[in-house]
């Protein structure tokens, strides 16, 4: 059973990251009215179309992590997304589902998946 560890460790990380991003997308969808009116440091109030775009992109990122489709691209986007959400969760903690350390752990998972690859049971293209 130990010989299966290297193939299945990234799968567990992928599923954990996919669930985390799906929880984020659900939270953004649940609070979409507040999210569209919130004032962010750089962009200000984002509006409803940008909020829907953010919800859809976060959901697609979760689906990409869950299936292993284009894993390296999803890991890079997830890493920078987790860092961005960690930064914004300081000013709007009620709109973001995790606390600061949770986003740090999610960024670490994304960095590990970028290095390790998709693992077993993935639809990722080989390089």
C-alpha atoms as a PDB file:
ATOM      1  CA  UNK A   1       0.000   0.000   0.000  1.00  0.00           C
ATOM      2  CA  UNK A   2       2.913   2.356   0.557  1.00  0.00           C
ATOM      3  CA  UNK A   3       3.813   2.333  -3.138  1.00  0.00           C
ATOM      4  CA  UNK A   4       0.465   4.029  -3.901  1.00  0.00           C
ATOM      5  CA  UNK A   5       1.238   7.031  -1.660  1.00  0.00           C
ATOM      6  CA  UNK A   6       2.987   9.226  -4.228  1.00  0.00           C
ATOM      7  CA  UNK A   7       0.125   8.783  -6.690  1.00  0.00           C
ATOM      8  CA  UNK A   8      -2.673   9.480  -4.220  1.00  0.00           C
ATOM      9  CA  UNK A   9      -1.214  12.267  -2.072  1.00  0.00           C
ATOM     10  CA  UNK A  10      -1.849  14.942  -4.737  1.00  0.00           C
ATOM     11  CA  UNK A  11      -5.378  13.601  -5.184  1.00  0.00           C
ATOM     12  CA  UNK A  12      -6.163  14.266  -1.538  1.00  0.00           C
ATOM     13  CA  UNK A  13      -4.669  17.769  -1.807  1.00  0.00           C
ATOM     14  CA  UNK A  14      -6.647  18.415  -4.998  1.00  0.00           C
ATOM     15  CA  UNK A  15      -9.922  17.392  -3.400  1.00  0.00           C
ATOM     16  CA  UNK A  16      -9.222  19.507  -0.301  1.00  0.00           C
ATOM     17  CA  UNK A  17      -8.453  22.552  -2.444  1.00  0.00           C
ATOM     18  CA  UNK A  18     -11.508  21.910  -4.619  1.00  0.00           C
ATOM     19  CA  UNK A  19     -13.783  21.731  -1.591  1.00  0.00           C
ATOM     20  CA  UNK A  20     -12.234  24.920  -0.162  1.00  0.00           C
ATOM     21  CA  UNK A  21     -12.772  26.845  -3.394  1.00  0.00           C
ATOM     22  CA  UNK A  22     -16.324  25.491  -3.682  1.00  0.00           C
ATOM     23  CA  UNK A  23     -17.057  26.699  -0.137  1.00  0.00           C
ATOM     24  CA  UNK A  24     -15.684  30.097  -1.145  1.00  0.00           C
ATOM     25  CA  UNK A  25     -17.853  30.232  -4.287  1.00  0.00           C
ATOM     26  CA  UNK A  26     -20.924  29.257  -2.265  1.00  0.00           C
ATOM     27  CA  UNK A  27     -20.202  31.939   0.336  1.00  0.00           C
ATOM     28  CA  UNK A  28     -19.748  34.584  -2.368  1.00  0.00           C
ATOM     29  CA  UNK A  29     -23.016  33.485  -3.987  1.00  0.00           C
ATOM     30  CA  UNK A  30     -24.838  33.577  -0.644  1.00  0.00           C
ATOM     31  CA  UNK A  31     -23.595  37.120   0.103  1.00  0.00           C
ATOM     32  CA  UNK A  32     -23.543  38.442  -3.475  1.00  0.00           C
ATOM     33  CA  UNK A  33     -25.486  41.635  -2.672  1.00  0.00           C
ATOM     34  CA  UNK A  34     -23.095  42.572   0.145  1.00  0.00           C
ATOM     35  CA  UNK A  35     -20.092  41.511  -1.915  1.00  0.00           C
ATOM     36  CA  UNK A  36     -21.050  43.733  -4.858  1.00  0.00           C
ATOM     37  CA  UNK A  37     -21.393  46.785  -2.593  1.00  0.00           C
ATOM     38  CA  UNK A  38     -18.264  46.222  -0.485  1.00  0.00           C
ATOM     39  CA  UNK A  39     -15.464  48.739  -0.939  1.00  0.00           C
ATOM     40  CA  UNK A  40     -12.163  47.022  -1.712  1.00  0.00           C
ATOM     41  CA  UNK A  41      -8.830  48.871  -1.410  1.00  0.00           C
ATOM     42  CA  UNK A  42      -7.872  49.008  -5.099  1.00  0.00           C
ATOM     43  CA  UNK A  43     -11.077  48.626  -7.110  1.00  0.00           C
ATOM     44  CA  UNK A  44     -13.686  50.115  -4.790  1.00  0.00           C
ATOM     45  CA  UNK A  45     -17.194  48.681  -5.123  1.00  0.00           C
ATOM     46  CA  UNK A  46     -17.104  45.976  -7.786  1.00  0.00           C
ATOM     47  CA  UNK A  47     -20.781  45.807  -8.800  1.00  0.00           C
ATOM     48  CA  UNK A  48     -23.005  42.821  -9.538  1.00  0.00           C
ATOM     49  CA  UNK A  49     -21.534  41.750 -12.943  1.00  0.00           C
ATOM     50  CA  UNK A  50     -18.020  41.528 -11.493  1.00  0.00           C
ATOM     51  CA  UNK A  51     -19.402  39.664  -8.482  1.00  0.00           C
ATOM     52  CA  UNK A  52     -21.032  37.060 -10.744  1.00  0.00           C
ATOM     53  CA  UNK A  53     -17.812  36.747 -12.732  1.00  0.00           C
ATOM     54  CA  UNK A  54     -15.902  36.168  -9.499  1.00  0.00           C
ATOM     55  CA  UNK A  55     -18.408  33.528  -8.352  1.00  0.00           C
ATOM     56  CA  UNK A  56     -18.258  31.666 -11.667  1.00  0.00           C
ATOM     57  CA  UNK A  57     -14.451  31.782 -11.858  1.00  0.00           C
ATOM     58  CA  UNK A  58     -14.102  30.533  -8.294  1.00  0.00           C
ATOM     59  CA  UNK A  59     -16.535  27.699  -9.044  1.00  0.00           C
ATOM     60  CA  UNK A  60     -14.630  26.771 -12.213  1.00  0.00           C
ATOM     61  CA  UNK A  61     -11.403  26.790 -10.230  1.00  0.00           C
ATOM     62  CA  UNK A  62     -12.998  24.416  -7.704  1.00  0.00           C
ATOM     63  CA  UNK A  63     -14.152  22.144 -10.523  1.00  0.00           C
ATOM     64  CA  UNK A  64     -10.673  22.187 -12.047  1.00  0.00           C
ATOM     65  CA  UNK A  65      -9.132  21.165  -8.722  1.00  0.00           C
ATOM     66  CA  UNK A  66     -11.694  18.417  -8.171  1.00  0.00           C
ATOM     67  CA  UNK A  67     -11.184  16.874 -11.615  1.00  0.00           C
ATOM     68  CA  UNK A  68      -7.480  17.605 -12.044  1.00  0.00           C
ATOM     69  CA  UNK A  69      -8.085  19.391 -15.333  1.00  0.00           C
ATOM     70  CA  UNK A  70      -5.247  21.820 -16.222  1.00  0.00           C
ATOM     71  CA  UNK A  71      -3.828  21.377 -12.738  1.00  0.00           C
ATOM     72  CA  UNK A  72      -0.734  23.583 -12.985  1.00  0.00           C
ATOM     73  CA  UNK A  73      -2.742  26.544 -14.306  1.00  0.00           C
ATOM     74  CA  UNK A  74      -5.381  26.028 -11.612  1.00  0.00           C
ATOM     75  CA  UNK A  75      -2.676  25.799  -8.943  1.00  0.00           C
ATOM     76  CA  UNK A  76      -1.106  29.100  -9.999  1.00  0.00           C
ATOM     77  CA  UNK A  77      -4.490  30.852 -10.118  1.00  0.00           C
ATOM     78  CA  UNK A  78      -5.476  29.282  -6.803  1.00  0.00           C
ATOM     79  CA  UNK A  79      -2.212  30.372  -5.170  1.00  0.00           C
ATOM     80  CA  UNK A  80      -2.633  34.006  -6.175  1.00  0.00           C
ATOM     81  CA  UNK A  81      -6.360  33.866  -5.423  1.00  0.00           C
ATOM     82  CA  UNK A  82      -5.720  32.576  -1.910  1.00  0.00           C
ATOM     83  CA  UNK A  83      -3.147  35.322  -1.281  1.00  0.00           C
ATOM     84  CA  UNK A  84      -5.574  37.961  -2.601  1.00  0.00           C
ATOM     85  CA  UNK A  85      -8.418  36.646  -0.481  1.00  0.00           C
ATOM     86  CA  UNK A  86      -6.186  36.531   2.576  1.00  0.00           C
ATOM     87  CA  UNK A  87      -5.422  40.221   2.007  1.00  0.00           C
ATOM     88  CA  UNK A  88      -9.087  41.202   1.546  1.00  0.00           C
ATOM     89  CA  UNK A  89     -10.319  39.048   4.429  1.00  0.00           C
ATOM     90  CA  UNK A  90      -8.608  41.438   6.836  1.00  0.00           C
ATOM     91  CA  UNK A  91     -10.845  44.332   5.820  1.00  0.00           C
ATOM     92  CA  UNK A  92     -14.050  42.304   5.168  1.00  0.00           C
ATOM     93  CA  UNK A  93     -13.996  39.225   7.431  1.00  0.00           C
ATOM     94  CA  UNK A  94     -17.764  38.640   7.144  1.00  0.00           C
ATOM     95  CA  UNK A  95     -17.579  38.160   3.340  1.00  0.00           C
ATOM     96  CA  UNK A  96     -14.793  35.583   3.285  1.00  0.00           C
ATOM     97  CA  UNK A  97     -15.431  32.089   4.713  1.00  0.00           C
ATOM     98  CA  UNK A  98     -11.979  31.366   6.143  1.00  0.00           C
ATOM     99  CA  UNK A  99      -9.668  33.224   8.481  1.00  0.00           C
ATOM    100  CA  UNK A 100      -6.178  34.350   7.538  1.00  0.00           C
ATOM    101  CA  UNK A 101      -4.319  31.140   8.304  1.00  0.00           C
ATOM    102  CA  UNK A 102      -6.788  29.088   6.251  1.00  0.00           C
ATOM    103  CA  UNK A 103      -5.885  31.081   3.165  1.00  0.00           C
ATOM    104  CA  UNK A 104      -2.200  30.590   3.914  1.00  0.00           C
ATOM    105  CA  UNK A 105      -2.737  26.821   4.074  1.00  0.00           C
ATOM    106  CA  UNK A 106      -4.730  26.916   0.835  1.00  0.00           C
ATOM    107  CA  UNK A 107      -1.894  28.828  -0.851  1.00  0.00           C
ATOM    108  CA  UNK A 108       0.553  26.199   0.438  1.00  0.00           C
ATOM    109  CA  UNK A 109      -1.620  23.401  -0.981  1.00  0.00           C
ATOM    110  CA  UNK A 110      -1.758  25.191  -4.339  1.00  0.00           C
ATOM    111  CA  UNK A 111       2.020  25.649  -4.364  1.00  0.00           C
ATOM    112  CA  UNK A 112       2.508  21.963  -3.550  1.00  0.00           C
ATOM    113  CA  UNK A 113       0.116  20.948  -6.334  1.00  0.00           C
ATOM    114  CA  UNK A 114       1.970  23.166  -8.780  1.00  0.00           C
ATOM    115  CA  UNK A 115       5.194  21.319  -7.950  1.00  0.00           C
ATOM    116  CA  UNK A 116       3.742  17.789  -7.542  1.00  0.00           C
ATOM    117  CA  UNK A 117       1.329  17.804 -10.455  1.00  0.00           C
ATOM    118  CA  UNK A 118      -2.177  16.424 -10.584  1.00  0.00           C
ATOM    119  CA  UNK A 119      -1.469  12.913  -9.301  1.00  0.00           C
ATOM    120  CA  UNK A 120      -3.601   9.896 -10.078  1.00  0.00           C
ATOM    121  CA  UNK A 121      -7.155  10.036 -11.420  1.00  0.00           C
ATOM    122  CA  UNK A 122      -6.681  13.367 -13.179  1.00  0.00           C
ATOM    123  CA  UNK A 123      -7.670  14.659 -16.591  1.00  0.00           C
ATOM    124  CA  UNK A 124      -4.522  16.739 -16.842  1.00  0.00           C
ATOM    125  CA  UNK A 125      -2.519  16.775 -20.046  1.00  0.00           C
ATOM    126  CA  UNK A 126       1.058  15.512 -19.750  1.00  0.00           C
ATOM    127  CA  UNK A 127       3.773  17.956 -20.487  1.00  0.00           C
END
